[in-house]
Amino acid sequence: MILDPRVESAKHQLRSVRAVYPVMSVKGGVGKSTLTVMLSLALRELGLRVGVLDTDLSNPSLHYLYGLEHRKVDVEEDEGYVPPLVHDGIRLSSPVIFTEGGILPARDKDSVNAVLELLAITNWRDVDVVLIDTPPGIHDEQLRLLKLMSGVHTGISRPVIVTTPFKVSLANVSRSLDYINSLHKGEKILVINKHRGRDELSMQASFKCILRVPWDERLDERLVSLEELLQSKAYAELRRQVHSGKDCFF
């Protein structure tokens, strides 16, 4: 059996990371990337040092939300590549840093290889938790990523599934659970974004906890900066739930 040296390198780079949270969605347009940023801010306010990995090779967007100008990043090398700080205590690793803003069209298998390369070279030297923003959809690419993480990280690994409260979106999540469970049998978190006060859930037992982020009609206009996002109604409520339910993540 030939061992992939990238796997061993990724294990080494993640050795001090307590927990990894792949952030996923069954379909696009549910606010997954925005929720990834808000979760990173809420976890940081708990005193944790947070790393964020953007694995969307064809349409990375997290650098926009964090206000990172990729052309101005000086890549620091120390047993690999050290992701730049995008906020106090939050580091971002994104493919745009290496592609100068271009995209990397790739097939599913190639995408997983690219993510493995990023994990192998990214030095999370001073990070407690890592959030992984995945491309939308539950396809082979995302499921291979779940399987990959189970092989390179021995700490807590807990997928965060983002949905909206609408019946079709919730039904899509319910139909996908068996597929997700086939590669990750551990605990999972559900985040219901754009929540409007009530929902009918038949799958509560499938998740360690459920977070509900309220509909915020001003959220889009607050995405111009992290300072504005921190003042949003949606973030304030997510922060309250994360801080009052710490065992959801640990």
Protein backbone atom coordinates (compact mmCIF):
# COMPACT_ATOMS: atom_id res chain seq x y z
CA MET A 1 0.00 0.00 0.00
CA ILE A 2 1.46 3.37 -1.05
CA LEU A 3 0.86 6.13 1.49
CA ASP A 4 0.12 9.62 0.18
CA PRO A 5 2.70 11.97 1.75
CA ARG A 6 0.15 14.81 1.53
CA VAL A 7 -2.09 12.99 4.00
CA GLU A 8 0.75 12.71 6.50
CA SER A 9 1.59 16.38 5.96
CA ALA A 10 -2.05 17.41 6.49
CA LYS A 11 -2.13 15.40 9.73
CA HIS A 12 0.99 17.22 10.87
CA GLN A 13 -0.43 20.64 9.98
CA LEU A 14 -3.67 19.93 11.87
CA ARG A 15 -2.03 18.33 14.88
CA SER A 16 -2.80 21.18 17.31
CA VAL A 17 -6.29 21.94 15.97
CA ARG A 18 -9.00 20.94 18.45
CA ALA A 19 -11.95 20.81 16.05
CA VAL A 20 -12.77 21.00 12.35
CA TYR A 21 -16.18 22.08 11.04
CA PRO A 22 -16.94 21.52 7.34
CA VAL A 23 -19.73 24.00 6.49
CA MET A 24 -22.02 22.45 3.88
CA SER A 25 -25.33 23.01 2.12
CA VAL A 26 -27.50 20.74 0.01
CA LYS A 27 -28.10 23.57 -2.47
CA GLY A 28 -26.72 27.02 -3.21
CA GLY A 29 -28.22 30.34 -2.21
CA VAL A 30 -28.79 29.55 1.47
CA GLY A 31 -26.10 31.90 2.82
CA LYS A 32 -23.48 29.25 3.62
CA SER A 33 -20.41 31.45 3.09
CA THR A 34 -21.91 34.34 5.08
CA LEU A 35 -22.73 31.90 7.89
CA THR A 36 -19.14 30.60 7.79
CA VAL A 37 -17.86 34.13 8.38
CA MET A 38 -20.37 34.80 11.17
CA LEU A 39 -19.52 31.50 12.87
CA SER A 40 -15.82 32.38 12.74
CA LEU A 41 -16.55 35.72 14.44
CA ALA A 42 -18.76 34.13 17.11
CA LEU A 43 -16.19 31.42 17.89
CA ARG A 44 -13.44 34.04 18.03
CA GLU A 45 -15.45 35.96 20.63
CA LEU A 46 -15.34 32.81 22.76
CA GLY A 47 -11.57 33.32 22.89
CA LEU A 48 -10.76 30.67 20.26
CA ARG A 49 -8.21 31.21 17.52
CA VAL A 50 -9.99 30.43 14.27
CA GLY A 51 -8.81 29.26 10.87
CA VAL A 52 -11.06 29.38 7.81
CA LEU A 53 -10.42 27.39 4.63
CA ASP A 54 -12.24 28.30 1.39
CA THR A 55 -12.43 25.16 -0.76
CA ASP A 56 -14.56 26.60 -3.56
CA LEU A 57 -11.99 26.49 -6.36
CA SER A 58 -14.25 27.86 -9.10
CA ASN A 59 -15.96 30.64 -7.15
CA PRO A 60 -14.16 31.51 -3.90
CA SER A 61 -15.83 34.39 -2.08
CA LEU A 62 -14.66 34.47 1.52
CA HIS A 63 -11.83 36.91 0.79
CA TYR A 64 -14.44 39.46 -0.29
CA LEU A 65 -16.43 39.01 2.91
CA TYR A 66 -13.33 39.37 5.08
CA GLY A 67 -12.04 42.31 3.05
CA LEU A 68 -8.82 40.52 2.05
CA GLU A 69 -7.06 42.01 -0.96
CA HIS A 70 -5.28 38.94 -2.31
CA ARG A 71 -2.84 40.98 -4.39
CA LYS A 72 -1.47 42.58 -1.22
CA VAL A 73 -0.88 39.33 0.68
CA ASP A 74 2.74 38.57 1.50
CA VAL A 75 2.85 34.80 1.84
CA GLU A 76 4.59 33.83 5.06
CA GLU A 77 6.39 30.49 5.03
CA ASP A 78 7.06 28.47 8.16
CA GLU A 79 6.92 24.69 7.70
CA GLY A 80 4.42 25.46 4.98
CA TYR A 81 2.23 28.45 4.24
CA VAL A 82 0.85 30.52 7.13
CA PRO A 83 -2.63 31.93 6.27
CA PRO A 84 -2.92 35.71 6.62
CA LEU A 85 -4.84 37.31 9.45
CA VAL A 86 -8.13 38.77 8.21
CA HIS A 87 -9.41 39.76 11.65
CA ASP A 88 -8.00 39.65 15.15
CA GLY A 89 -7.45 35.93 15.80
CA ILE A 90 -8.93 34.74 12.47
CA ARG A 91 -6.80 33.40 9.60
CA LEU A 92 -8.04 32.70 6.08
CA SER A 93 -6.61 30.21 3.60
CA SER A 94 -8.04 30.70 0.11
CA PRO A 95 -7.05 29.49 -3.36
CA VAL A 96 -7.17 33.11 -4.63
CA ILE A 97 -3.93 33.77 -2.78
CA PHE A 98 -2.20 31.35 -5.14
CA THR A 99 -4.22 31.95 -8.32
CA GLU A 100 -4.03 35.77 -8.23
CA GLY A 101 -7.81 35.94 -8.27
CA GLY A 102 -8.32 33.41 -11.05
CA ILE A 103 -10.43 30.28 -10.85
CA LEU A 104 -9.45 26.62 -10.89
CA PRO A 105 -12.02 24.64 -12.89
CA ALA A 106 -11.62 21.00 -11.87
CA ARG A 107 -13.44 17.69 -11.77
CA ASP A 108 -14.57 16.30 -8.41
CA LYS A 109 -11.49 14.11 -7.90
CA ASP A 110 -9.17 16.94 -8.92
CA SER A 111 -10.96 19.28 -6.51
CA VAL A 112 -10.39 16.94 -3.58
CA ASN A 113 -6.72 16.65 -4.57
CA ALA A 114 -6.46 20.44 -4.60
CA VAL A 115 -8.03 20.65 -1.14
CA LEU A 116 -5.62 17.98 0.10
CA GLU A 117 -2.75 20.05 -1.30
CA LEU A 118 -4.02 23.11 0.61
CA LEU A 119 -4.32 21.11 3.83
CA ALA A 120 -0.84 19.69 3.33
CA ILE A 121 0.83 23.09 2.93
CA THR A 122 -1.26 25.22 5.31
CA ASN A 123 0.37 25.68 8.70
CA TRP A 124 -2.41 26.16 11.28
CA ARG A 125 0.27 26.74 13.91
CA ASP A 126 -1.76 29.01 16.22
CA VAL A 127 -5.31 27.91 15.43
CA ASP A 128 -7.76 26.13 17.76
CA VAL A 129 -10.60 25.43 15.32
CA VAL A 130 -10.90 25.33 11.52
CA LEU A 131 -14.05 26.11 9.53
CA ILE A 132 -14.08 24.70 5.98
CA ASP A 133 -16.39 26.50 3.56
CA THR A 134 -17.32 23.92 0.92
CA PRO A 135 -18.89 24.43 -2.51
CA PRO A 136 -22.71 24.20 -2.51
CA GLY A 137 -24.38 20.84 -2.99
CA ILE A 138 -23.93 17.34 -1.60
CA HIS A 139 -21.91 15.63 -4.31
CA ASP A 140 -18.89 13.33 -4.47
CA GLU A 141 -16.61 16.33 -3.95
CA GLN A 142 -18.13 17.24 -0.59
CA LEU A 143 -18.46 13.65 0.58
CA ARG A 144 -14.85 12.89 -0.34
CA LEU A 145 -13.89 15.93 1.71
CA LEU A 146 -15.73 14.50 4.74
CA LYS A 147 -13.92 11.20 4.29
CA LEU A 148 -10.61 13.02 3.83
CA MET A 149 -11.08 14.99 7.07
CA SER A 150 -11.77 11.81 9.02
CA GLY A 151 -8.42 10.53 7.82
CA VAL A 152 -6.27 13.59 8.51
CA HIS A 153 -7.79 14.96 11.73
CA THR A 154 -8.17 12.96 14.92
CA GLY A 155 -9.95 15.63 16.97
CA ILE A 156 -13.56 16.78 16.79
CA SER A 157 -14.94 16.82 13.24
CA ARG A 158 -18.53 18.03 13.05
CA PRO A 159 -20.24 19.00 9.77
CA VAL A 160 -22.38 22.14 9.86
CA ILE A 161 -25.33 21.86 7.46
CA VAL A 162 -26.84 25.22 6.41
CA THR A 163 -30.40 25.45 5.13
CA THR A 164 -33.31 27.88 4.93
CA PRO A 165 -36.61 27.25 6.77
CA PHE A 166 -38.57 26.63 3.61
CA LYS A 167 -40.14 23.18 3.19
CA VAL A 168 -38.29 22.32 -0.02
CA SER A 169 -34.90 23.21 1.48
CA LEU A 170 -35.59 21.26 4.68
CA ALA A 171 -36.83 18.28 2.65
CA ASN A 172 -33.61 18.32 0.63
CA VAL A 173 -31.58 18.15 3.85
CA SER A 174 -33.71 15.30 5.17
CA ARG A 175 -33.26 13.31 1.94
CA SER A 176 -29.50 13.86 2.03
CA LEU A 177 -28.91 12.70 5.62
CA ASP A 178 -28.43 9.02 4.79
CA TYR A 179 -25.90 9.99 2.13
CA ILE A 180 -24.01 12.24 4.55
CA ASN A 181 -24.15 9.62 7.31
CA SER A 182 -22.58 7.05 5.01
CA LEU A 183 -19.26 8.88 5.33
CA HIS A 184 -19.69 10.76 8.60
CA LYS A 185 -21.46 8.87 11.34
CA GLY A 186 -20.60 11.37 14.05
CA GLU A 187 -22.49 14.39 15.36
CA LYS A 188 -23.68 17.16 13.08
CA ILE A 189 -25.00 20.71 13.47
CA LEU A 190 -27.93 22.22 11.57
CA VAL A 191 -28.12 25.98 10.95
CA ILE A 192 -31.46 27.33 9.73
CA ASN A 193 -30.71 30.64 8.04
CA LYS A 194 -33.31 33.36 7.31
CA HIS A 195 -35.49 31.95 10.05
CA ARG A 196 -38.90 33.64 10.37
CA GLY A 197 -40.17 32.44 13.73
CA ARG A 198 -41.38 28.88 13.23
CA ASP A 199 -40.40 25.69 11.46
CA GLU A 200 -41.55 22.11 11.32
CA LEU A 201 -38.63 19.77 11.80
CA SER A 202 -38.92 16.01 11.63
CA MET A 203 -35.16 15.42 11.87
CA GLN A 204 -34.15 17.08 15.14
CA ALA A 205 -32.73 13.83 16.50
CA SER A 206 -30.26 13.71 13.60
CA PHE A 207 -28.33 16.76 14.88
CA LYS A 208 -26.40 17.53 18.03
CA CYS A 209 -27.93 20.99 18.02
CA ILE A 210 -29.89 23.35 15.79
CA LEU A 211 -29.09 27.05 15.42
CA ARG A 212 -31.68 29.46 14.04
CA VAL A 213 -30.47 32.69 12.41
CA PRO A 214 -33.29 35.21 11.95
CA TRP A 215 -34.24 36.85 8.69
CA ASP A 216 -32.37 40.16 8.52
CA GLU A 217 -33.57 42.47 5.77
CA ARG A 218 -30.45 44.64 6.15
CA LEU A 219 -27.89 41.85 6.14
CA ASP A 220 -26.83 42.21 2.49
CA GLU A 221 -25.99 45.89 2.93
CA ARG A 222 -23.92 45.06 6.01
CA LEU A 223 -21.67 42.63 4.11
CA VAL A 224 -19.46 45.55 3.01
CA SER A 225 -17.26 45.12 6.10
CA LEU A 226 -16.82 42.90 9.14
CA GLU A 227 -17.56 45.88 11.39
CA GLU A 228 -20.97 46.29 9.74
CA LEU A 229 -21.64 42.55 9.89
CA LEU A 230 -20.91 42.53 13.62
CA GLN A 231 -23.71 45.07 14.09
CA SER A 232 -26.33 42.99 12.26
CA LYS A 233 -29.37 41.43 13.89
CA ALA A 234 -28.53 38.08 12.32
CA TYR A 235 -25.03 38.02 13.79
CA ALA A 236 -26.19 39.12 17.24
CA GLU A 237 -28.63 36.21 17.46
CA LEU A 238 -26.17 33.64 16.08
CA ARG A 239 -23.55 34.86 18.55
CA ARG A 240 -26.03 34.49 21.43
CA GLN A 241 -26.85 30.90 20.47
CA VAL A 242 -23.21 29.89 19.93
CA HIS A 243 -22.16 31.38 23.27
CA SER A 244 -25.08 29.91 25.22
CA GLY A 245 -24.62 26.47 23.66
CA LYS A 246 -20.87 25.96 23.66
CA ASP A 247 -21.28 22.19 23.90
CA CYS A 248 -22.76 22.33 20.41
CA PHE A 249 -19.21 22.73 19.11
CA PHE A 250 -17.17 20.85 21.76
